[in-house]
């Protein structure tokens, strides 16, 4: 007697069916082995992209910080120069005030002249720093570097997510290899067939996930 519901009393038929199941298990094993290697390869490739993107983001942030320090020092110089000019103007030392104004940095000098010409007062309301045309050189570069850092960080996050999904498929393929591998070791024909069918179903699911993932060549 046998526990295979589809078994017959003909040994040749049973042997033929058994060979088909063994062939199916062997094909699944072969495909899962290749697919698992592919998933591992892709995970490694995307992991490399994660490292590159993170390094690029770090470099962009470092460059932005370095340039920001330079811009901040220039801004401090402008504020100090203007404060001294304002003090000299208030106490009536116009010679010193004019000498200071002649030595303003280009960005401050441009805004300063527009600020002075906007009013007839000796000291107009507000300061040149309130004007939209006071923009220090390097500000746009800082914004661009920070945007680059953000873009690289997003790319790193996306690559990390892809790595995780490829690792998941590698785990699924490992399960396929396990069930397809033990199918021939099981003494119960029904259990053996169920193991093959389960491995086949898991292979289809894992392959579907792999097909949906981006490829890194």
Protein backbone atom coordinates (compact mmCIF):
# COMPACT_ATOMS: atom_id res chain seq x y z
CA UNK A 1 0.00 0.00 0.00
CA UNK A 2 1.05 3.62 -0.46
CA UNK A 3 -0.08 6.91 0.99
CA UNK A 4 -0.15 8.51 -2.49
CA UNK A 5 -3.82 9.07 -3.41
CA UNK A 6 -2.90 9.01 -7.10
CA UNK A 7 -0.91 5.80 -6.89
CA UNK A 8 -1.88 2.75 -8.94
CA UNK A 9 -1.04 -0.90 -8.76
CA UNK A 10 1.14 -0.55 -11.85
CA UNK A 11 4.79 -0.19 -10.74
CA UNK A 12 5.81 1.36 -14.07
CA UNK A 13 3.21 4.13 -13.79
CA UNK A 14 4.19 4.86 -10.20
CA UNK A 15 7.85 4.93 -11.17
CA UNK A 16 7.15 7.31 -14.04
CA UNK A 17 5.21 9.66 -11.78
CA UNK A 18 7.96 9.55 -9.19
CA UNK A 19 10.53 10.46 -11.84
CA UNK A 20 8.44 13.47 -12.93
CA UNK A 21 8.24 14.73 -9.36
CA UNK A 22 11.99 14.23 -8.92
CA UNK A 23 12.62 16.08 -12.19
CA UNK A 24 10.39 18.94 -11.05
CA UNK A 25 12.30 19.15 -7.76
CA UNK A 26 15.62 19.12 -9.63
CA UNK A 27 14.52 21.91 -11.99
CA UNK A 28 13.29 24.01 -9.08
CA UNK A 29 16.56 23.42 -7.24
CA UNK A 30 18.58 24.50 -10.27
CA UNK A 31 16.52 27.62 -10.95
CA UNK A 32 16.46 28.61 -7.28
CA UNK A 33 20.25 28.21 -7.02
CA UNK A 34 20.84 30.54 -9.98
CA UNK A 35 18.16 32.99 -8.82
CA UNK A 36 19.55 33.08 -5.28
CA UNK A 37 23.00 33.89 -6.65
CA UNK A 38 21.48 36.67 -8.78
CA UNK A 39 19.66 38.16 -5.78
CA UNK A 40 22.86 38.10 -3.73
CA UNK A 41 24.76 39.76 -6.58
CA UNK A 42 22.15 42.49 -6.94
CA UNK A 43 22.08 43.06 -3.18
CA UNK A 44 25.86 43.53 -3.24
CA UNK A 45 25.66 45.93 -6.18
CA UNK A 46 22.95 48.06 -4.59
CA UNK A 47 24.81 48.01 -1.30
CA UNK A 48 27.78 49.51 -3.14
CA UNK A 49 25.51 52.23 -4.53
CA UNK A 50 24.31 52.95 -1.00
CA UNK A 51 27.89 53.47 0.14
CA UNK A 52 28.69 55.73 -2.83
CA UNK A 53 25.56 57.85 -2.33
CA UNK A 54 26.16 58.22 1.41
CA UNK A 55 29.75 59.26 0.76
CA UNK A 56 28.61 61.81 -1.83
CA UNK A 57 26.00 63.20 0.59
CA UNK A 58 28.61 63.51 3.34
CA UNK A 59 31.05 65.25 0.99
CA UNK A 60 28.39 67.72 -0.18
CA UNK A 61 27.42 68.53 3.42
CA UNK A 62 31.09 69.01 4.36
CA UNK A 63 31.66 71.35 1.41
CA UNK A 64 28.48 73.27 2.28
CA UNK A 65 29.62 73.65 5.89
CA UNK A 66 33.08 74.79 4.85
CA UNK A 67 31.67 77.37 2.43
CA UNK A 68 29.08 78.46 4.99
CA UNK A 69 31.87 79.24 7.46
CA UNK A 70 33.53 81.48 4.88
CA UNK A 71 30.25 83.25 4.10
CA UNK A 72 29.49 83.72 7.79
CA UNK A 73 32.90 85.31 8.37
CA UNK A 74 32.26 87.73 5.53
CA UNK A 75 28.81 88.52 6.93
CA UNK A 76 30.37 89.20 10.34
CA UNK A 77 32.86 91.54 8.70
CA UNK A 78 30.04 93.39 6.94
CA UNK A 79 28.02 93.77 10.13
CA UNK A 80 31.04 95.03 12.04
CA UNK A 81 31.99 97.50 9.28
CA UNK A 82 28.46 98.84 9.08
CA UNK A 83 28.23 99.19 12.87
CA UNK A 84 31.43 101.26 12.91
CA UNK A 85 30.14 103.36 9.98
CA UNK A 86 26.85 103.95 11.82
CA UNK A 87 28.66 105.00 14.99
CA UNK A 88 30.91 107.39 13.06
CA UNK A 89 27.92 108.86 11.21
CA UNK A 90 25.92 109.43 14.38
CA UNK A 91 28.74 111.28 16.09
CA UNK A 92 29.37 113.37 12.95
CA UNK A 93 32.72 111.94 11.89
CA UNK A 94 31.86 111.94 8.20
CA UNK A 95 35.46 111.57 7.07
CA UNK A 96 35.78 108.27 8.90
CA UNK A 97 32.30 107.20 7.78
CA UNK A 98 33.13 107.88 4.11
CA UNK A 99 36.44 106.07 4.43
CA UNK A 100 34.66 103.03 5.89
CA UNK A 101 31.97 103.09 3.20
CA UNK A 102 34.67 103.06 0.52
CA UNK A 103 36.06 99.86 2.05
CA UNK A 104 32.81 97.94 2.26
CA UNK A 105 32.79 94.56 0.56
CA UNK A 106 31.06 94.57 -2.86
CA UNK A 107 27.85 92.92 -1.64
CA UNK A 108 27.46 95.36 1.25
CA UNK A 109 28.51 98.33 -0.85
CA UNK A 110 25.79 97.60 -3.42
CA UNK A 111 23.05 97.25 -0.81
CA UNK A 112 24.41 100.18 1.20
CA UNK A 113 24.15 102.56 -1.76
CA UNK A 114 20.62 101.40 -2.55
CA UNK A 115 19.68 101.73 1.13
CA UNK A 116 21.06 105.30 1.34
CA UNK A 117 19.39 106.37 -1.90
CA UNK A 118 15.99 105.08 -0.79
CA UNK A 119 15.66 107.91 1.77
CA UNK A 120 16.83 111.47 2.30
CA UNK A 121 17.63 110.75 5.92
CA UNK A 122 21.24 110.64 6.95
CA UNK A 123 20.54 107.23 8.46
CA UNK A 124 17.55 105.66 6.68
CA UNK A 125 15.27 103.22 8.50
CA UNK A 126 16.44 99.64 8.80
CA UNK A 127 19.81 98.44 7.55
CA UNK A 128 21.30 97.37 4.22
CA UNK A 129 21.08 93.79 5.48
CA UNK A 130 17.27 93.97 5.35
CA UNK A 131 17.32 94.48 1.61
CA UNK A 132 16.77 91.52 -0.74
CA UNK A 133 19.74 92.57 -2.85
CA UNK A 134 22.13 91.87 0.04
CA UNK A 135 23.27 88.38 -0.92
CA UNK A 136 26.78 87.24 -0.17
CA UNK A 137 28.70 85.34 -2.81
CA UNK A 138 28.58 81.64 -2.01
CA UNK A 139 25.01 81.58 -0.70
CA UNK A 140 23.66 80.01 -3.88
CA UNK A 141 26.50 77.48 -3.90
CA UNK A 142 25.66 76.50 -0.32
CA UNK A 143 22.01 75.91 -1.25
CA UNK A 144 23.08 73.87 -4.27
CA UNK A 145 25.41 71.71 -2.17
CA UNK A 146 22.70 71.12 0.44
CA UNK A 147 20.27 70.12 -2.33
CA UNK A 148 22.88 67.74 -3.72
CA UNK A 149 23.37 66.24 -0.27
CA UNK A 150 19.62 65.71 0.08
CA UNK A 151 19.40 64.09 -3.37
CA UNK A 152 22.29 61.74 -2.58
CA UNK A 153 20.72 60.86 0.77
CA UNK A 154 17.44 59.97 -0.96
CA UNK A 155 19.33 57.83 -3.47
CA UNK A 156 21.06 56.06 -0.59
CA UNK A 157 17.71 55.40 1.11
CA UNK A 158 16.24 54.01 -2.10
CA UNK A 159 19.29 51.80 -2.68
CA UNK A 160 19.10 50.52 0.91
CA UNK A 161 15.44 49.65 0.43
CA UNK A 162 16.31 47.75 -2.75
CA UNK A 163 19.07 45.88 -0.92
CA UNK A 164 16.60 44.80 1.75
CA UNK A 165 14.15 43.49 -0.84
CA UNK A 166 16.86 41.55 -2.70
CA UNK A 167 17.99 40.04 0.60
CA UNK A 168 14.38 39.02 1.23
CA UNK A 169 14.24 37.23 -2.12
CA UNK A 170 17.53 35.49 -1.33
CA UNK A 171 15.95 34.21 1.89
CA UNK A 172 12.90 33.03 -0.06
CA UNK A 173 15.11 31.21 -2.53
CA UNK A 174 16.95 29.59 0.37
CA UNK A 175 13.59 28.30 1.59
CA UNK A 176 12.87 27.00 -1.92
CA UNK A 177 16.18 25.13 -1.89
CA UNK A 178 15.35 23.66 1.51
CA UNK A 179 11.91 22.33 0.60
CA UNK A 180 12.94 21.11 -2.85
CA UNK A 181 15.99 19.47 -1.33
CA UNK A 182 14.17 17.54 1.38
CA UNK A 183 11.42 16.36 -0.99
CA UNK A 184 13.45 13.35 -2.07
CA UNK A 185 14.35 12.52 1.53
CA UNK A 186 10.79 12.24 2.77
CA UNK A 187 9.41 8.72 3.10
CA UNK A 188 5.83 9.88 2.61
CA UNK A 189 5.01 10.35 -1.06
CA UNK A 190 2.30 12.88 -0.23
CA UNK A 191 4.66 14.90 1.97
CA UNK A 192 7.30 14.76 -0.75
CA UNK A 193 4.88 16.08 -3.35
CA UNK A 194 3.68 18.82 -1.00
CA UNK A 195 7.30 19.88 -0.41
CA UNK A 196 7.88 20.15 -4.16
CA UNK A 197 4.66 22.12 -4.69
CA UNK A 198 5.49 24.44 -1.78
CA UNK A 199 8.97 25.05 -3.12
CA UNK A 200 7.52 25.78 -6.56
CA UNK A 201 5.00 28.25 -5.15
CA UNK A 202 7.70 30.04 -3.14
CA UNK A 203 9.93 30.16 -6.21
CA UNK A 204 7.18 31.85 -8.22
CA UNK A 205 6.59 34.41 -5.43
CA UNK A 206 10.32 35.17 -5.03
CA UNK A 207 10.80 35.47 -8.79
CA UNK A 208 7.82 37.83 -9.03
CA UNK A 209 9.43 40.07 -6.43
CA UNK A 210 12.78 39.99 -8.25
CA UNK A 211 11.16 40.92 -11.56
CA UNK A 212 9.54 43.96 -9.91
CA UNK A 213 12.87 45.23 -8.53
CA UNK A 214 15.24 47.57 -10.37
CA UNK A 215 18.30 45.93 -11.87
CA UNK A 216 21.82 47.18 -11.23
CA UNK A 217 24.19 46.14 -14.01
